[in-house]
Amino acid sequence: MTPTRPIALPFAALLAPAGCETMEGAGEDIERAGETIQDESQDVRNEM
Protein backbone atom coordinates (compact mmCIF):
# COMPACT_ATOMS: atom_id res chain seq x y z
CA MET A 1 0.00 0.00 0.00
CA THR A 2 1.35 3.42 -0.90
CA PRO A 3 1.53 6.10 1.80
CA THR A 4 -0.96 8.34 -0.03
CA ARG A 5 -3.60 5.65 -0.49
CA PRO A 6 -5.11 5.93 3.02
CA ILE A 7 -5.31 9.71 2.64
CA ALA A 8 -6.69 9.74 -0.91
CA LEU A 9 -9.37 7.13 -0.30
CA PRO A 10 -11.59 9.19 2.06
CA PHE A 11 -11.43 12.16 -0.31
CA ALA A 12 -12.46 9.96 -3.23
CA ALA A 13 -15.30 8.57 -1.12
CA LEU A 14 -16.55 12.09 -0.43
CA LEU A 15 -16.57 12.93 -4.13
CA ALA A 16 -18.38 9.75 -5.20
CA PRO A 17 -21.91 11.02 -4.34
CA ALA A 18 -21.38 14.00 -6.65
CA GLY A 19 -21.99 11.73 -9.64
CA CYS A 20 -25.38 10.40 -8.53
CA GLU A 21 -28.68 11.80 -9.75
CA THR A 22 -31.15 10.42 -7.21
CA MET A 23 -31.40 9.94 -3.45
CA GLU A 24 -31.30 6.19 -3.96
CA GLY A 25 -28.14 6.59 -6.01
CA ALA A 26 -26.64 8.76 -3.27
CA GLY A 27 -27.42 6.09 -0.69
CA GLU A 28 -25.78 3.42 -2.81
CA ASP A 29 -22.71 5.60 -3.35
CA ILE A 30 -22.40 6.31 0.38
CA GLU A 31 -22.84 2.63 1.21
CA ARG A 32 -20.16 1.65 -1.31
CA ALA A 33 -17.79 4.29 0.11
CA GLY A 34 -18.38 2.96 3.62
CA GLU A 35 -17.68 -0.60 2.51
CA THR A 36 -14.47 0.53 0.84
CA ILE A 37 -13.34 2.30 4.00
CA GLN A 38 -14.12 -0.81 6.05
CA ASP A 39 -12.14 -2.98 3.63
CA GLU A 40 -9.16 -0.62 3.76
CA SER A 41 -9.21 -0.48 7.56
CA GLN A 42 -9.31 -4.28 7.69
CA ASP A 43 -6.29 -4.40 5.37
CA VAL A 44 -4.40 -2.04 7.69
CA ARG A 45 -5.31 -4.15 10.72
CA ASN A 46 -4.14 -7.31 8.93
CA GLU A 47 -0.79 -5.69 8.13
CA MET A 48 -0.12 -4.84 11.79
C-alpha atoms as a PDB file:
ATOM      1  CA  MET A   1       0.000   0.000   0.000  1.00  0.00           C
ATOM      2  CA  THR A   2       1.347   3.417  -0.897  1.00  0.00           C
ATOM      3  CA  PRO A   3       1.531   6.100   1.801  1.00  0.00           C
ATOM      4  CA  THR A   4      -0.956   8.341  -0.035  1.00  0.00           C
ATOM      5  CA  ARG A   5      -3.598   5.654  -0.487  1.00  0.00           C
ATOM      6  CA  PRO A   6      -5.113   5.930   3.024  1.00  0.00           C
ATOM      7  CA  ILE A   7      -5.306   9.707   2.640  1.00  0.00           C
ATOM      8  CA  ALA A   8      -6.685   9.744  -0.909  1.00  0.00           C
ATOM      9  CA  LEU A   9      -9.370   7.131  -0.299  1.00  0.00           C
ATOM     10  CA  PRO A  10     -11.589   9.194   2.058  1.00  0.00           C
ATOM     11  CA  PHE A  11     -11.426  12.164  -0.315  1.00  0.00           C
ATOM     12  CA  ALA A  12     -12.459   9.963  -3.233  1.00  0.00           C
ATOM     13  CA  ALA A  13     -15.304   8.570  -1.124  1.00  0.00           C
ATOM     14  CA  LEU A  14     -16.553  12.088  -0.428  1.00  0.00           C
ATOM     15  CA  LEU A  15     -16.570  12.931  -4.130  1.00  0.00           C
ATOM     16  CA  ALA A  16     -18.384   9.749  -5.202  1.00  0.00           C
ATOM     17  CA  PRO A  17     -21.905  11.022  -4.337  1.00  0.00           C
ATOM     18  CA  ALA A  18     -21.379  13.999  -6.646  1.00  0.00           C
ATOM     19  CA  GLY A  19     -21.992  11.727  -9.643  1.00  0.00           C
ATOM     20  CA  CYS A  20     -25.382  10.396  -8.527  1.00  0.00           C
ATOM     21  CA  GLU A  21     -28.678  11.804  -9.746  1.00  0.00           C
ATOM     22  CA  THR A  22     -31.152  10.420  -7.206  1.00  0.00           C
ATOM     23  CA  MET A  23     -31.400   9.942  -3.448  1.00  0.00           C
ATOM     24  CA  GLU A  24     -31.302   6.192  -3.964  1.00  0.00           C
ATOM     25  CA  GLY A  25     -28.143   6.587  -6.007  1.00  0.00           C
ATOM     26  CA  ALA A  26     -26.636   8.756  -3.272  1.00  0.00           C
ATOM     27  CA  GLY A  27     -27.420   6.095  -0.692  1.00  0.00           C
ATOM     28  CA  GLU A  28     -25.785   3.418  -2.806  1.00  0.00           C
ATOM     29  CA  ASP A  29     -22.710   5.599  -3.350  1.00  0.00           C
ATOM     30  CA  ILE A  30     -22.403   6.307   0.377  1.00  0.00           C
ATOM     31  CA  GLU A  31     -22.835   2.628   1.210  1.00  0.00           C
ATOM     32  CA  ARG A  32     -20.164   1.653  -1.310  1.00  0.00           C
ATOM     33  CA  ALA A  33     -17.795   4.289   0.111  1.00  0.00           C
ATOM     34  CA  GLY A  34     -18.382   2.959   3.625  1.00  0.00           C
ATOM     35  CA  GLU A  35     -17.681  -0.599   2.509  1.00  0.00           C
ATOM     36  CA  THR A  36     -14.467   0.528   0.840  1.00  0.00           C
ATOM     37  CA  ILE A  37     -13.340   2.302   3.997  1.00  0.00           C
ATOM     38  CA  GLN A  38     -14.117  -0.809   6.049  1.00  0.00           C
ATOM     39  CA  ASP A  39     -12.142  -2.982   3.634  1.00  0.00           C
ATOM     40  CA  GLU A  40      -9.162  -0.624   3.760  1.00  0.00           C
ATOM     41  CA  SER A  41      -9.209  -0.477   7.556  1.00  0.00           C
ATOM     42  CA  GLN A  42      -9.313  -4.278   7.694  1.00  0.00           C
ATOM     43  CA  ASP A  43      -6.288  -4.398   5.370  1.00  0.00           C
ATOM     44  CA  VAL A  44      -4.400  -2.044   7.687  1.00  0.00           C
ATOM     45  CA  ARG A  45      -5.310  -4.149  10.725  1.00  0.00           C
ATOM     46  CA  ASN A  46      -4.140  -7.306   8.935  1.00  0.00           C
ATOM     47  CA  GLU A  47      -0.791  -5.690   8.128  1.00  0.00           C
ATOM     48  CA  MET A  48      -0.121  -4.836  11.787  1.00  0.00           C
END
